[in-house]
PDB file of N, CA and C in Angstrom:
ATOM      1  N   UNK A   1       0.853  -1.175   0.000  1.00  0.00           N
ATOM      2  CA  UNK A   1       0.000   0.000   0.000  1.00  0.00           C
ATOM      3  C   UNK A   1       0.896   1.234   0.000  1.00  0.00           C
ATOM      4  N   UNK A   2       0.611   2.143  -0.906  1.00  0.00           N
ATOM      5  CA  UNK A   2       1.363   3.384  -0.997  1.00  0.00           C
ATOM      6  C   UNK A   2       0.476   4.500  -0.472  1.00  0.00           C
ATOM      7  N   UNK A   3       1.007   5.380   0.399  1.00  0.00           N
ATOM      8  CA  UNK A   3       0.259   6.500   0.938  1.00  0.00           C
ATOM      9  C   UNK A   3      -0.418   6.163   2.241  1.00  0.00           C
ATOM     10  N   UNK A   4      -1.133   7.178   2.787  1.00  0.00           N
ATOM     11  CA  UNK A   4      -1.803   7.007   4.076  1.00  0.00           C
ATOM     12  C   UNK A   4      -3.280   7.339   3.961  1.00  0.00           C
ATOM     13  N   UNK A   5      -4.077   6.570   4.713  1.00  0.00           N
ATOM     14  CA  UNK A   5      -5.516   6.802   4.770  1.00  0.00           C
ATOM     15  C   UNK A   5      -5.802   8.043   5.605  1.00  0.00           C
ATOM     16  N   UNK A   6      -6.884   8.753   5.276  1.00  0.00           N
ATOM     17  CA  UNK A   6      -7.316   9.908   6.065  1.00  0.00           C
ATOM     18  C   UNK A   6      -8.836   9.997   5.974  1.00  0.00           C
ATOM     19  N   UNK A   7      -9.523  10.349   7.083  1.00  0.00           N
ATOM     20  CA  UNK A   7     -10.988  10.461   7.037  1.00  0.00           C
ATOM     21  C   UNK A   7     -11.480  11.491   6.020  1.00  0.00           C
ATOM     22  N   UNK A   8     -10.682  12.519   5.780  1.00  0.00           N
ATOM     23  CA  UNK A   8     -11.013  13.521   4.774  1.00  0.00           C
ATOM     24  C   UNK A   8     -10.472  13.017   3.434  1.00  0.00           C
ATOM     25  N   UNK A   9     -11.345  12.697   2.457  1.00  0.00           N
ATOM     26  CA  UNK A   9     -10.878  12.135   1.181  1.00  0.00           C
ATOM     27  C   UNK A   9      -9.864  13.012   0.451  1.00  0.00           C
ATOM     28  N   UNK A  10      -9.926  14.310   0.658  1.00  0.00           N
ATOM     29  CA  UNK A  10      -8.981  15.220  -0.011  1.00  0.00           C
ATOM     30  C   UNK A  10      -7.563  14.991   0.496  1.00  0.00           C
ATOM     31  N   UNK A  11      -7.435  14.586   1.761  1.00  0.00           N
ATOM     32  CA  UNK A  11      -6.119  14.379   2.368  1.00  0.00           C
ATOM     33  C   UNK A  11      -5.658  12.924   2.317  1.00  0.00           C
ATOM     34  N   UNK A  12      -6.456  12.036   1.744  1.00  0.00           N
ATOM     35  CA  UNK A  12      -6.102  10.630   1.616  1.00  0.00           C
ATOM     36  C   UNK A  12      -5.073  10.494   0.498  1.00  0.00           C
ATOM     37  N   UNK A  13      -3.883   9.972   0.819  1.00  0.00           N
ATOM     38  CA  UNK A  13      -2.806   9.889  -0.180  1.00  0.00           C
ATOM     39  C   UNK A  13      -2.573   8.476  -0.703  1.00  0.00           C
ATOM     40  N   UNK A  14      -3.493   7.539  -0.397  1.00  0.00           N
ATOM     41  CA  UNK A  14      -3.308   6.165  -0.883  1.00  0.00           C
ATOM     42  C   UNK A  14      -3.426   6.109  -2.410  1.00  0.00           C
ATOM     43  N   UNK A  15      -2.762   5.131  -2.988  1.00  0.00           N
ATOM     44  CA  UNK A  15      -2.846   4.869  -4.424  1.00  0.00           C
ATOM     45  C   UNK A  15      -3.465   3.488  -4.596  1.00  0.00           C
ATOM     46  N   UNK A  16      -4.457   3.388  -5.481  1.00  0.00           N
ATOM     47  CA  UNK A  16      -5.170   2.123  -5.672  1.00  0.00           C
ATOM     48  C   UNK A  16      -5.165   1.733  -7.135  1.00  0.00           C
ATOM     49  N   UNK A  17      -5.230   0.423  -7.376  1.00  0.00           N
ATOM     50  CA  UNK A  17      -5.371  -0.075  -8.738  1.00  0.00           C
ATOM     51  C   UNK A  17      -6.854  -0.130  -9.087  1.00  0.00           C
ATOM     52  N   UNK A  18      -7.202   0.394 -10.258  1.00  0.00           N
ATOM     53  CA  UNK A  18      -8.593   0.400 -10.730  1.00  0.00           C
ATOM     54  C   UNK A  18      -8.648  -0.415 -12.014  1.00  0.00           C
ATOM     55  N   UNK A  19      -9.576  -1.389 -12.043  1.00  0.00           N
ATOM     56  CA  UNK A  19      -9.757  -2.179 -13.257  1.00  0.00           C
ATOM     57  C   UNK A  19     -11.021  -1.700 -13.959  1.00  0.00           C
ATOM     58  N   UNK A  20     -10.904  -1.351 -15.238  1.00  0.00           N
ATOM     59  CA  UNK A  20     -12.009  -0.868 -16.041  1.00  0.00           C
ATOM     60  C   UNK A  20     -12.718  -2.035 -16.723  1.00  0.00           C
ATOM     61  N   UNK A  21     -13.967  -1.814 -17.209  1.00  0.00           N
ATOM     62  CA  UNK A  21     -14.728  -2.901 -17.843  1.00  0.00           C
ATOM     63  C   UNK A  21     -13.994  -3.599 -18.987  1.00  0.00           C
ATOM     64  N   UNK A  22     -13.095  -2.878 -19.668  1.00  0.00           N
ATOM     65  CA  UNK A  22     -12.358  -3.495 -20.779  1.00  0.00           C
ATOM     66  C   UNK A  22     -11.147  -4.301 -20.308  1.00  0.00           C
ATOM     67  N   UNK A  23     -10.935  -4.389 -18.973  1.00  0.00           N
ATOM     68  CA  UNK A  23      -9.825  -5.152 -18.424  1.00  0.00           C
ATOM     69  C   UNK A  23      -8.582  -4.324 -18.154  1.00  0.00           C
ATOM     70  N   UNK A  24      -8.528  -3.098 -18.639  1.00  0.00           N
ATOM     71  CA  UNK A  24      -7.395  -2.204 -18.422  1.00  0.00           C
ATOM     72  C   UNK A  24      -7.274  -1.891 -16.929  1.00  0.00           C
ATOM     73  N   UNK A  25      -6.051  -1.930 -16.393  1.00  0.00           N
ATOM     74  CA  UNK A  25      -5.798  -1.627 -14.982  1.00  0.00           C
ATOM     75  C   UNK A  25      -4.870  -0.415 -14.907  1.00  0.00           C
ATOM     76  N   UNK A  26      -5.265   0.589 -14.089  1.00  0.00           N
ATOM     77  CA  UNK A  26      -4.449   1.783 -13.896  1.00  0.00           C
ATOM     78  C   UNK A  26      -4.435   2.154 -12.429  1.00  0.00           C
ATOM     79  N   UNK A  27      -3.400   2.852 -12.008  1.00  0.00           N
ATOM     80  CA  UNK A  27      -3.298   3.319 -10.624  1.00  0.00           C
ATOM     81  C   UNK A  27      -3.850   4.732 -10.516  1.00  0.00           C
ATOM     82  N   UNK A  28      -4.655   4.967  -9.478  1.00  0.00           N
ATOM     83  CA  UNK A  28      -5.216   6.286  -9.214  1.00  0.00           C
ATOM     84  C   UNK A  28      -5.113   6.585  -7.735  1.00  0.00           C
ATOM     85  N   UNK A  29      -4.892   7.848  -7.398  1.00  0.00           N
ATOM     86  CA  UNK A  29      -4.880   8.272  -6.007  1.00  0.00           C
ATOM     87  C   UNK A  29      -6.308   8.201  -5.463  1.00  0.00           C
ATOM     88  N   UNK A  30      -6.431   7.794  -4.189  1.00  0.00           N
ATOM     89  CA  UNK A  30      -7.750   7.648  -3.570  1.00  0.00           C
ATOM     90  C   UNK A  30      -8.528   8.958  -3.612  1.00  0.00           C
ATOM     91  N   UNK A  31      -7.837  10.097  -3.448  1.00  0.00           N
ATOM     92  CA  UNK A  31      -8.555  11.373  -3.466  1.00  0.00           C
ATOM     93  C   UNK A  31      -9.083  11.706  -4.863  1.00  0.00           C
ATOM     94  N   UNK A  32      -8.414  11.241  -5.895  1.00  0.00           N
ATOM     95  CA  UNK A  32      -8.909  11.446  -7.262  1.00  0.00           C
ATOM     96  C   UNK A  32     -10.154  10.585  -7.489  1.00  0.00           C
ATOM     97  N   UNK A  33     -10.134   9.354  -7.002  1.00  0.00           N
ATOM     98  CA  UNK A  33     -11.305   8.472  -7.110  1.00  0.00           C
ATOM     99  C   UNK A  33     -12.484   9.092  -6.365  1.00  0.00           C
ATOM    100  N   UNK A  34     -12.233   9.562  -5.132  1.00  0.00           N
ATOM    101  CA  UNK A  34     -13.302  10.189  -4.341  1.00  0.00           C
ATOM    102  C   UNK A  34     -13.861  11.416  -5.053  1.00  0.00           C
ATOM    103  N   UNK A  35     -12.998  12.228  -5.645  1.00  0.00           N
ATOM    104  CA  UNK A  35     -13.448  13.426  -6.360  1.00  0.00           C
ATOM    105  C   UNK A  35     -14.379  13.050  -7.509  1.00  0.00           C
ATOM    106  N   UNK A  36     -14.026  12.032  -8.256  1.00  0.00           N
ATOM    107  CA  UNK A  36     -14.863  11.614  -9.377  1.00  0.00           C
ATOM    108  C   UNK A  36     -16.184  11.006  -8.916  1.00  0.00           C
ATOM    109  N   UNK A  37     -16.173  10.321  -7.777  1.00  0.00           N
ATOM    110  CA  UNK A  37     -17.427   9.807  -7.223  1.00  0.00           C
ATOM    111  C   UNK A  37     -18.326  10.959  -6.791  1.00  0.00           C
ATOM    112  N   UNK A  38     -17.755  11.981  -6.154  1.00  0.00           N
ATOM    113  CA  UNK A  38     -18.543  13.146  -5.733  1.00  0.00           C
ATOM    114  C   UNK A  38     -19.116  13.893  -6.932  1.00  0.00           C
ATOM    115  N   UNK A  39     -18.412  13.878  -8.053  1.00  0.00           N
ATOM    116  CA  UNK A  39     -18.896  14.560  -9.259  1.00  0.00           C
ATOM    117  C   UNK A  39     -20.132  13.874  -9.846  1.00  0.00           C
ATOM    118  N   UNK A  40     -20.380  12.622  -9.442  1.00  0.00           N
ATOM    119  CA  UNK A  40     -21.537  11.889  -9.946  1.00  0.00           C
ATOM    120  C   UNK A  40     -22.776  12.074  -9.077  1.00  0.00           C
ATOM    121  N   UNK A  41     -22.672  12.930  -8.040  1.00  0.00           N
ATOM    122  CA  UNK A  41     -23.788  13.146  -7.125  1.00  0.00           C
ATOM    123  C   UNK A  41     -24.125  14.631  -7.112  1.00  0.00           C
ATOM    124  N   UNK A  42     -25.433  14.951  -7.198  1.00  0.00           N
ATOM    125  CA  UNK A  42     -25.832  16.353  -7.169  1.00  0.00           C
ATOM    126  C   UNK A  42     -25.919  16.874  -5.736  1.00  0.00           C
ATOM    127  N   UNK A  43     -26.307  18.138  -5.569  1.00  0.00           N
ATOM    128  CA  UNK A  43     -26.357  18.776  -4.255  1.00  0.00           C
ATOM    129  C   UNK A  43     -27.340  18.104  -3.297  1.00  0.00           C
ATOM    130  N   UNK A  44     -28.319  17.386  -3.826  1.00  0.00           N
ATOM    131  CA  UNK A  44     -29.315  16.719  -2.990  1.00  0.00           C
ATOM    132  C   UNK A  44     -28.954  15.262  -2.709  1.00  0.00           C
ATOM    133  N   UNK A  45     -27.771  14.835  -3.165  1.00  0.00           N
ATOM    134  CA  UNK A  45     -27.326  13.475  -2.910  1.00  0.00           C
ATOM    135  C   UNK A  45     -27.831  12.453  -3.911  1.00  0.00           C
ATOM    136  N   UNK A  46     -28.456  12.917  -4.986  1.00  0.00           N
ATOM    137  CA  UNK A  46     -28.957  11.993  -6.007  1.00  0.00           C
ATOM    138  C   UNK A  46     -27.840  11.683  -6.991  1.00  0.00           C
ATOM    139  N   UNK A  47     -27.717  10.418  -7.315  1.00  0.00           N
ATOM    140  CA  UNK A  47     -26.660   9.973  -8.227  1.00  0.00           C
ATOM    141  C   UNK A  47     -27.168  10.002  -9.659  1.00  0.00           C
ATOM    142  N   UNK A  48     -26.322  10.407 -10.561  1.00  0.00           N
ATOM    143  CA  UNK A  48     -26.678  10.352 -11.968  1.00  0.00           C
ATOM    144  C   UNK A  48     -25.599   9.599 -12.730  1.00  0.00           C
ATOM    145  N   UNK A  49     -26.001   8.959 -13.774  1.00  0.00           N
ATOM    146  CA  UNK A  49     -25.085   8.151 -14.566  1.00  0.00           C
ATOM    147  C   UNK A  49     -25.097   8.615 -16.017  1.00  0.00           C
ATOM    148  N   UNK A  50     -24.044   8.369 -16.682  1.00  0.00           N
ATOM    149  CA  UNK A  50     -23.965   8.670 -18.108  1.00  0.00           C
ATOM    150  C   UNK A  50     -24.177   7.363 -18.858  1.00  0.00           C
ATOM    151  N   UNK A  51     -25.062   7.375 -19.813  1.00  0.00           N
ATOM    152  CA  UNK A  51     -25.373   6.186 -20.598  1.00  0.00           C
ATOM    153  C   UNK A  51     -24.341   6.047 -21.703  1.00  0.00           C
ATOM    154  N   UNK A  52     -23.755   4.875 -21.789  1.00  0.00           N
ATOM    155  CA  UNK A  52     -22.780   4.603 -22.841  1.00  0.00           C
ATOM    156  C   UNK A  52     -23.500   4.287 -24.147  1.00  0.00           C
ATOM    157  N   UNK A  53     -24.476   3.367 -24.083  1.00  0.00           N
ATOM    158  CA  UNK A  53     -25.240   3.034 -25.277  1.00  0.00           C
ATOM    159  C   UNK A  53     -26.509   2.278 -24.911  1.00  0.00           C
ATOM    160  N   UNK A  54     -27.462   2.256 -25.833  1.00  0.00           N
ATOM    161  CA  UNK A  54     -28.659   1.443 -25.688  1.00  0.00           C
ATOM    162  C   UNK A  54     -28.327   0.096 -26.321  1.00  0.00           C
ATOM    163  N   UNK A  55     -28.341  -0.960 -25.520  1.00  0.00           N
ATOM    164  CA  UNK A  55     -27.964  -2.287 -25.994  1.00  0.00           C
ATOM    165  C   UNK A  55     -29.145  -2.990 -26.658  1.00  0.00           C
ATOM    166  N   UNK A  56     -30.330  -2.834 -26.072  1.00  0.00           N
ATOM    167  CA  UNK A  56     -31.515  -3.510 -26.596  1.00  0.00           C
ATOM    168  C   UNK A  56     -32.749  -2.735 -26.140  1.00  0.00           C
ATOM    169  N   UNK A  57     -33.889  -3.030 -26.752  1.00  0.00           N
ATOM    170  CA  UNK A  57     -35.149  -2.405 -26.350  1.00  0.00           C
ATOM    171  C   UNK A  57     -36.314  -3.326 -26.676  1.00  0.00           C
ATOM    172  N   UNK A  58     -37.456  -3.039 -26.033  1.00  0.00           N
ATOM    173  CA  UNK A  58     -38.686  -3.741 -26.386  1.00  0.00           C
ATOM    174  C   UNK A  58     -39.837  -2.755 -26.196  1.00  0.00           C
ATOM    175  N   UNK A  59     -40.890  -2.961 -26.954  1.00  0.00           N
ATOM    176  CA  UNK A  59     -42.079  -2.126 -26.876  1.00  0.00           C
ATOM    177  C   UNK A  59     -43.215  -2.983 -26.338  1.00  0.00           C
ATOM    178  N   UNK A  60     -43.832  -2.502 -25.272  1.00  0.00           N
ATOM    179  CA  UNK A  60     -44.934  -3.232 -24.663  1.00  0.00           C
ATOM    180  C   UNK A  60     -46.259  -2.666 -25.162  1.00  0.00           C
ATOM    181  N   UNK A  61     -47.341  -3.345 -24.864  1.00  0.00           N
ATOM    182  CA  UNK A  61     -48.669  -2.955 -25.348  1.00  0.00           C
ATOM    183  C   UNK A  61     -49.142  -1.585 -24.899  1.00  0.00           C
ATOM    184  N   UNK A  62     -48.588  -1.058 -23.812  1.00  0.00           N
ATOM    185  CA  UNK A  62     -49.041   0.241 -23.299  1.00  0.00           C
ATOM    186  C   UNK A  62     -48.348   1.430 -23.957  1.00  0.00           C
ATOM    187  N   UNK A  63     -47.438   1.172 -24.907  1.00  0.00           N
ATOM    188  CA  UNK A  63     -46.732   2.267 -25.589  1.00  0.00           C
ATOM    189  C   UNK A  63     -47.704   3.054 -26.462  1.00  0.00           C
ATOM    190  N   UNK A  64     -47.408   4.345 -26.633  1.00  0.00           N
ATOM    191  CA  UNK A  64     -48.249   5.198 -27.471  1.00  0.00           C
ATOM    192  C   UNK A  64     -48.082   4.784 -28.934  1.00  0.00           C
ATOM    193  N   UNK A  65     -49.192   4.505 -29.592  1.00  0.00           N
ATOM    194  CA  UNK A  65     -49.160   4.093 -31.003  1.00  0.00           C
ATOM    195  C   UNK A  65     -48.834   5.297 -31.889  1.00  0.00           C
ATOM    196  N   UNK A  66     -48.184   5.066 -33.042  1.00  0.00           N
ATOM    197  CA  UNK A  66     -47.852   6.174 -33.940  1.00  0.00           C
ATOM    198  C   UNK A  66     -49.058   7.027 -34.337  1.00  0.00           C
ATOM    199  N   UNK A  67     -50.231   6.429 -34.485  1.00  0.00           N
ATOM    200  CA  UNK A  67     -51.399   7.212 -34.877  1.00  0.00           C
ATOM    201  C   UNK A  67     -51.988   8.015 -33.711  1.00  0.00           C
ATOM    202  N   UNK A  68     -51.460   7.814 -32.500  1.00  0.00           N
ATOM    203  CA  UNK A  68     -51.919   8.547 -31.325  1.00  0.00           C
ATOM    204  C   UNK A  68     -50.767   9.349 -30.700  1.00  0.00           C
ATOM    205  N   UNK A  69     -49.724   9.617 -31.497  1.00  0.00           N
ATOM    206  CA  UNK A  69     -48.519  10.259 -31.015  1.00  0.00           C
ATOM    207  C   UNK A  69     -48.718  11.748 -30.715  1.00  0.00           C
ATOM    208  N   UNK A  70     -49.692  12.378 -31.378  1.00  0.00           N
ATOM    209  CA  UNK A  70     -49.912  13.816 -31.207  1.00  0.00           C
ATOM    210  C   UNK A  70     -51.240  14.076 -30.516  1.00  0.00           C
ATOM    211  N   UNK A  71     -51.319  15.208 -29.829  1.00  0.00           N
ATOM    212  CA  UNK A  71     -52.563  15.664 -29.215  1.00  0.00           C
ATOM    213  C   UNK A  71     -52.680  17.169 -29.435  1.00  0.00           C
ATOM    214  N   UNK A  72     -53.862  17.705 -29.251  1.00  0.00           N
ATOM    215  CA  UNK A  72     -54.085  19.142 -29.385  1.00  0.00           C
ATOM    216  C   UNK A  72     -54.294  19.710 -27.988  1.00  0.00           C
ATOM    217  N   UNK A  73     -53.469  20.717 -27.618  1.00  0.00           N
ATOM    218  CA  UNK A  73     -53.587  21.289 -26.278  1.00  0.00           C
ATOM    219  C   UNK A  73     -54.777  22.245 -26.194  1.00  0.00           C
ATOM    220  N   UNK A  74     -54.995  22.847 -25.021  1.00  0.00           N
ATOM    221  CA  UNK A  74     -56.159  23.699 -24.800  1.00  0.00           C
ATOM    222  C   UNK A  74     -56.148  24.969 -25.637  1.00  0.00           C
ATOM    223  N   UNK A  75     -55.003  25.302 -26.241  1.00  0.00           N
ATOM    224  CA  UNK A  75     -54.901  26.477 -27.104  1.00  0.00           C
ATOM    225  C   UNK A  75     -55.036  26.109 -28.586  1.00  0.00           C
ATOM    226  N   UNK A  76     -55.279  24.830 -28.847  1.00  0.00           N
ATOM    227  CA  UNK A  76     -55.445  24.370 -30.217  1.00  0.00           C
ATOM    228  C   UNK A  76     -54.148  24.060 -30.938  1.00  0.00           C
ATOM    229  N   UNK A  77     -53.032  23.966 -30.187  1.00  0.00           N
ATOM    230  CA  UNK A  77     -51.725  23.688 -30.782  1.00  0.00           C
ATOM    231  C   UNK A  77     -51.474  22.183 -30.757  1.00  0.00           C
ATOM    232  N   UNK A  78     -51.059  21.637 -31.909  1.00  0.00           N
ATOM    233  CA  UNK A  78     -50.754  20.212 -32.012  1.00  0.00           C
ATOM    234  C   UNK A  78     -49.387  19.956 -31.380  1.00  0.00           C
ATOM    235  N   UNK A  79     -49.344  19.033 -30.418  1.00  0.00           N
ATOM    236  CA  UNK A  79     -48.112  18.724 -29.694  1.00  0.00           C
ATOM    237  C   UNK A  79     -47.866  17.218 -29.684  1.00  0.00           C
ATOM    238  N   UNK A  80     -46.586  16.853 -29.580  1.00  0.00           N
ATOM    239  CA  UNK A  80     -46.228  15.443 -29.503  1.00  0.00           C
ATOM    240  C   UNK A  80     -46.328  14.980 -28.040  1.00  0.00           C
ATOM    241  N   UNK A  81     -46.789  13.762 -27.837  1.00  0.00           N
ATOM    242  CA  UNK A  81     -46.840  13.194 -26.485  1.00  0.00           C
ATOM    243  C   UNK A  81     -45.417  12.824 -26.067  1.00  0.00           C
ATOM    244  N   UNK A  82     -44.947  13.383 -24.988  1.00  0.00           N
ATOM    245  CA  UNK A  82     -43.594  13.101 -24.495  1.00  0.00           C
ATOM    246  C   UNK A  82     -43.697  12.082 -23.367  1.00  0.00           C
ATOM    247  N   UNK A  83     -43.494  10.838 -23.722  1.00  0.00           N
ATOM    248  CA  UNK A  83     -43.588   9.764 -22.739  1.00  0.00           C
ATOM    249  C   UNK A  83     -42.723   8.587 -23.167  1.00  0.00           C
ATOM    250  N   UNK A  84     -42.283   7.832 -22.180  1.00  0.00           N
ATOM    251  CA  UNK A  84     -41.565   6.580 -22.450  1.00  0.00           C
ATOM    252  C   UNK A  84     -42.407   5.396 -21.994  1.00  0.00           C
ATOM    253  N   UNK A  85     -43.665   5.649 -21.687  1.00  0.00           N
ATOM    254  CA  UNK A  85     -44.563   4.585 -21.227  1.00  0.00           C
ATOM    255  C   UNK A  85     -44.601   3.464 -22.277  1.00  0.00           C
ATOM    256  N   UNK A  86     -44.410   2.246 -21.811  1.00  0.00           N
ATOM    257  CA  UNK A  86     -44.475   1.098 -22.703  1.00  0.00           C
ATOM    258  C   UNK A  86     -43.150   0.747 -23.384  1.00  0.00           C
ATOM    259  N   UNK A  87     -42.112   1.519 -23.130  1.00  0.00           N
ATOM    260  CA  UNK A  87     -40.795   1.235 -23.709  1.00  0.00           C
ATOM    261  C   UNK A  87     -39.892   0.723 -22.588  1.00  0.00           C
ATOM    262  N   UNK A  88     -39.162  -0.339 -22.847  1.00  0.00           N
ATOM    263  CA  UNK A  88     -38.162  -0.857 -21.921  1.00  0.00           C
ATOM    264  C   UNK A  88     -36.814  -0.822 -22.637  1.00  0.00           C
ATOM    265  N   UNK A  89     -35.843  -0.173 -22.018  1.00  0.00           N
ATOM    266  CA  UNK A  89     -34.529  -0.027 -22.620  1.00  0.00           C
ATOM    267  C   UNK A  89     -33.487  -0.757 -21.777  1.00  0.00           C
ATOM    268  N   UNK A  90     -32.553  -1.425 -22.446  1.00  0.00           N
ATOM    269  CA  UNK A  90     -31.415  -2.041 -21.785  1.00  0.00           C
ATOM    270  C   UNK A  90     -30.209  -1.151 -22.091  1.00  0.00           C
ATOM    271  N   UNK A  91     -29.655  -0.523 -21.058  1.00  0.00           N
ATOM    272  CA  UNK A  91     -28.592   0.461 -21.227  1.00  0.00           C
ATOM    273  C   UNK A  91     -27.273  -0.053 -20.680  1.00  0.00           C
ATOM    274  N   UNK A  92     -26.201   0.435 -21.287  1.00  0.00           N
ATOM    275  CA  UNK A  92     -24.855   0.155 -20.734  1.00  0.00           C
ATOM    276  C   UNK A  92     -24.297   1.484 -20.271  1.00  0.00           C
TER     277      UNK A  92
END
């Protein structure tokens, strides 16, 4: 083990090996890893992820049909229905 642990991630000087999904292994400082983890969380503590790609999908019976894709709002303006109801996506 290289470096020293510290309760404050900014002051943690340990170096760790990180293995990526493609099998590549690289060394990173613990404080750099912590910084990148914190960057994935918003001010309210909610985590967000970046989608690499859509691997597969399926459409279920509750999906909006193409002939029912548009509606007219109360002002008479034709608008598209914005929904993912009935769609299942497999993401990486």
